[in-house]
Amino acid sequence: MVAYELLFEEDENLDQGPFAECVRDQHLKSRTAFVEEVRRALMAELDGVVGPVTLRQAVDAFRAVDADIKPKLVNEYLCRGFEVHLKVRLWVSTSPQVPCGWCCHLYAETRRRR
C-alpha cells in the first residue's frame, strides 16, 4: 500500500518533498512544450509573419497541436486569449484579433489548468 499523503507532505519549512517537486517539474516541462507547439502552429497559420491572430487561426493551431483537444478546453483558452467572459461560447464564424505574442502568453497561463 502507498501512503500518498507522505508523497506530498511538506517539511517544517513548508518545502515539498522530492516526489512533489518531480511532479511539478514534469508538469512545467509538459506545459512549456505545449505552449511552444501552439506558438509554432500559430506562426504557421500566419505564414511566419507576427501579426493579429483570428479566432479561426487560433482554433486551427490548437487542433494542429492536439487533434483530440476537448472543445470546452479550446473555448476556455480562446475566451482567455480574446478577453471574453468564460461563460461565452465563441463561435469560429467570428474573428476577433489579438497580437500573436500576447495570445501565446495567455495560452501559456491557461495551459496549467488543463
C-alpha atoms as a PDB file:
ATOM      1  CA  MET A   1       0.000   0.000   0.000  1.00  0.00           C
ATOM      2  CA  VAL A   2       1.256   3.513  -0.847  1.00  0.00           C
ATOM      3  CA  ALA A   3       0.962   6.290   1.722  1.00  0.00           C
ATOM      4  CA  TYR A   4       0.039   9.051  -0.737  1.00  0.00           C
ATOM      5  CA  GLU A   5      -0.146  11.697   1.974  1.00  0.00           C
ATOM      6  CA  LEU A   6       3.571  11.230   2.636  1.00  0.00           C
ATOM      7  CA  LEU A   7       4.431  11.738  -1.048  1.00  0.00           C
ATOM      8  CA  PHE A   8       3.016  15.266  -0.940  1.00  0.00           C
ATOM      9  CA  GLU A   9       3.911  16.108   2.656  1.00  0.00           C
ATOM     10  CA  GLU A  10       5.744  19.353   3.426  1.00  0.00           C
ATOM     11  CA  ASP A  11       8.587  19.616   5.902  1.00  0.00           C
ATOM     12  CA  GLU A  12       8.849  22.075   8.805  1.00  0.00           C
ATOM     13  CA  ASN A  13       9.977  24.803   6.371  1.00  0.00           C
ATOM     14  CA  LEU A  14       6.896  24.149   4.196  1.00  0.00           C
ATOM     15  CA  ASP A  15       9.117  22.751   1.414  1.00  0.00           C
ATOM     16  CA  GLN A  16       7.709  19.966  -0.696  1.00  0.00           C
ATOM     17  CA  GLY A  17       9.437  16.630  -0.899  1.00  0.00           C
ATOM     18  CA  PRO A  18      11.254  15.214  -3.928  1.00  0.00           C
ATOM     19  CA  PHE A  19       8.169  13.453  -5.314  1.00  0.00           C
ATOM     20  CA  ALA A  20       6.036  16.607  -5.382  1.00  0.00           C
ATOM     21  CA  GLU A  21       8.960  18.559  -6.862  1.00  0.00           C
ATOM     22  CA  CYS A  22       9.322  15.942  -9.604  1.00  0.00           C
ATOM     23  CA  VAL A  23       5.588  16.084 -10.407  1.00  0.00           C
ATOM     24  CA  ARG A  24       5.731  19.882 -10.592  1.00  0.00           C
ATOM     25  CA  ASP A  25       8.832  19.818 -12.825  1.00  0.00           C
ATOM     26  CA  GLN A  26       7.212  17.283 -15.143  1.00  0.00           C
ATOM     27  CA  HIS A  27       4.070  19.422 -15.378  1.00  0.00           C
ATOM     28  CA  LEU A  28       6.116  22.544 -16.141  1.00  0.00           C
ATOM     29  CA  LYS A  29       8.054  20.784 -18.913  1.00  0.00           C
ATOM     30  CA  SER A  30       4.831  19.494 -20.448  1.00  0.00           C
ATOM     31  CA  ARG A  31       3.198  22.921 -20.253  1.00  0.00           C
ATOM     32  CA  THR A  32       6.232  24.642 -21.753  1.00  0.00           C
ATOM     33  CA  ALA A  33       6.356  22.144 -24.638  1.00  0.00           C
ATOM     34  CA  PHE A  34       2.629  22.613 -25.326  1.00  0.00           C
ATOM     35  CA  VAL A  35       2.962  26.401 -25.398  1.00  0.00           C
ATOM     36  CA  GLU A  36       5.892  26.169 -27.799  1.00  0.00           C
ATOM     37  CA  GLU A  37       3.911  23.860 -30.086  1.00  0.00           C
ATOM     38  CA  VAL A  38       0.970  26.286 -30.042  1.00  0.00           C
ATOM     39  CA  ARG A  39       3.332  29.177 -30.825  1.00  0.00           C
ATOM     40  CA  ARG A  40       4.796  27.282 -33.792  1.00  0.00           C
ATOM     41  CA  ALA A  41       1.327  26.339 -35.023  1.00  0.00           C
ATOM     42  CA  LEU A  42       0.173  29.973 -34.781  1.00  0.00           C
ATOM     43  CA  MET A  43       3.244  31.123 -36.692  1.00  0.00           C
ATOM     44  CA  ALA A  44       2.479  28.514 -39.352  1.00  0.00           C
ATOM     45  CA  GLU A  45      -1.089  29.837 -39.540  1.00  0.00           C
ATOM     46  CA  LEU A  46       0.372  33.338 -40.022  1.00  0.00           C
ATOM     47  CA  ASP A  47       2.925  32.151 -42.614  1.00  0.00           C
ATOM     48  CA  GLY A  48       5.751  33.158 -40.273  1.00  0.00           C
ATOM     49  CA  VAL A  49       4.693  36.809 -40.002  1.00  0.00           C
ATOM     50  CA  VAL A  50       3.923  38.059 -36.487  1.00  0.00           C
ATOM     51  CA  GLY A  51       0.549  39.760 -36.534  1.00  0.00           C
ATOM     52  CA  PRO A  52      -3.050  39.566 -35.359  1.00  0.00           C
ATOM     53  CA  VAL A  53      -4.498  36.100 -34.811  1.00  0.00           C
ATOM     54  CA  THR A  54      -8.089  35.370 -35.808  1.00  0.00           C
ATOM     55  CA  LEU A  55     -10.307  33.035 -33.866  1.00  0.00           C
ATOM     56  CA  ARG A  56     -10.232  30.551 -36.752  1.00  0.00           C
ATOM     57  CA  GLN A  57      -6.410  30.587 -36.809  1.00  0.00           C
ATOM     58  CA  ALA A  58      -6.250  30.023 -33.054  1.00  0.00           C
ATOM     59  CA  VAL A  59      -8.682  27.088 -33.240  1.00  0.00           C
ATOM     60  CA  ASP A  60      -6.728  25.568 -36.124  1.00  0.00           C
ATOM     61  CA  ALA A  61      -3.472  25.957 -34.182  1.00  0.00           C
ATOM     62  CA  PHE A  62      -4.868  24.154 -31.134  1.00  0.00           C
ATOM     63  CA  ARG A  63      -6.214  21.348 -33.311  1.00  0.00           C
ATOM     64  CA  ALA A  64      -2.871  21.059 -35.099  1.00  0.00           C
ATOM     65  CA  VAL A  65      -1.127  20.613 -31.747  1.00  0.00           C
ATOM     66  CA  ASP A  66      -3.732  18.294 -30.216  1.00  0.00           C
ATOM     67  CA  ALA A  67      -6.301  16.789 -32.569  1.00  0.00           C
ATOM     68  CA  ASP A  68      -8.169  15.325 -29.580  1.00  0.00           C
ATOM     69  CA  ILE A  69      -8.356  18.540 -27.552  1.00  0.00           C
ATOM     70  CA  LYS A  70     -11.769  18.927 -25.944  1.00  0.00           C
ATOM     71  CA  PRO A  71     -13.926  21.741 -27.355  1.00  0.00           C
ATOM     72  CA  LYS A  72     -14.638  23.047 -23.841  1.00  0.00           C
ATOM     73  CA  LEU A  73     -10.898  23.434 -23.187  1.00  0.00           C
ATOM     74  CA  VAL A  74     -10.339  25.160 -26.542  1.00  0.00           C
ATOM     75  CA  ASN A  75     -13.187  27.524 -25.735  1.00  0.00           C
ATOM     76  CA  GLU A  76     -11.651  28.303 -22.325  1.00  0.00           C
ATOM     77  CA  TYR A  77      -8.287  29.105 -23.936  1.00  0.00           C
ATOM     78  CA  LEU A  78      -9.949  31.227 -26.612  1.00  0.00           C
ATOM     79  CA  CYS A  79     -12.064  33.158 -24.106  1.00  0.00           C
ATOM     80  CA  ARG A  80      -8.970  33.981 -22.085  1.00  0.00           C
ATOM     81  CA  GLY A  81      -6.880  34.799 -25.155  1.00  0.00           C
ATOM     82  CA  PHE A  82      -9.525  37.030 -26.726  1.00  0.00           C
ATOM     83  CA  GLU A  83     -10.633  38.534 -23.370  1.00  0.00           C
ATOM     84  CA  VAL A  84     -14.180  37.203 -23.452  1.00  0.00           C
ATOM     85  CA  HIS A  85     -16.069  36.028 -20.359  1.00  0.00           C
ATOM     86  CA  LEU A  86     -15.573  32.283 -19.864  1.00  0.00           C
ATOM     87  CA  LYS A  87     -19.316  31.603 -19.973  1.00  0.00           C
ATOM     88  CA  VAL A  88     -19.475  32.868 -23.552  1.00  0.00           C
ATOM     89  CA  ARG A  89     -19.345  30.250 -26.289  1.00  0.00           C
ATOM     90  CA  LEU A  90     -17.035  31.521 -29.002  1.00  0.00           C
ATOM     91  CA  TRP A  91     -18.086  30.517 -32.481  1.00  0.00           C
ATOM     92  CA  VAL A  92     -15.486  30.165 -35.178  1.00  0.00           C
ATOM     93  CA  SER A  93     -17.512  32.286 -37.598  1.00  0.00           C
ATOM     94  CA  THR A  94     -16.470  35.409 -35.652  1.00  0.00           C
ATOM     95  CA  SER A  95     -12.953  36.749 -35.990  1.00  0.00           C
ATOM     96  CA  PRO A  96     -11.695  38.991 -33.185  1.00  0.00           C
ATOM     97  CA  GLN A  97      -7.960  39.587 -33.347  1.00  0.00           C
ATOM     98  CA  VAL A  98      -5.177  39.898 -30.789  1.00  0.00           C
ATOM     99  CA  PRO A  99      -1.418  40.212 -31.272  1.00  0.00           C
ATOM    100  CA  CYS A 100       0.234  36.801 -31.689  1.00  0.00           C
ATOM    101  CA  GLY A 101       2.793  37.136 -28.902  1.00  0.00           C
ATOM    102  CA  TRP A 102       0.180  38.231 -26.391  1.00  0.00           C
ATOM    103  CA  CYS A 103      -2.069  35.361 -27.406  1.00  0.00           C
ATOM    104  CA  CYS A 104       0.740  32.856 -26.819  1.00  0.00           C
ATOM    105  CA  HIS A 105       1.396  34.358 -23.393  1.00  0.00           C
ATOM    106  CA  LEU A 106      -2.217  33.884 -22.365  1.00  0.00           C
ATOM    107  CA  TYR A 107      -2.224  30.324 -23.664  1.00  0.00           C
ATOM    108  CA  ALA A 108       0.836  29.695 -21.519  1.00  0.00           C
ATOM    109  CA  GLU A 109      -1.008  30.989 -18.479  1.00  0.00           C
ATOM    110  CA  THR A 110      -4.130  28.930 -19.155  1.00  0.00           C
ATOM    111  CA  ARG A 111      -2.274  25.728 -20.051  1.00  0.00           C
ATOM    112  CA  ARG A 112      -1.709  24.940 -16.374  1.00  0.00           C
ATOM    113  CA  ARG A 113      -5.486  24.496 -15.958  1.00  0.00           C
ATOM    114  CA  ARG A 114      -5.595  21.646 -18.438  1.00  0.00           C
END
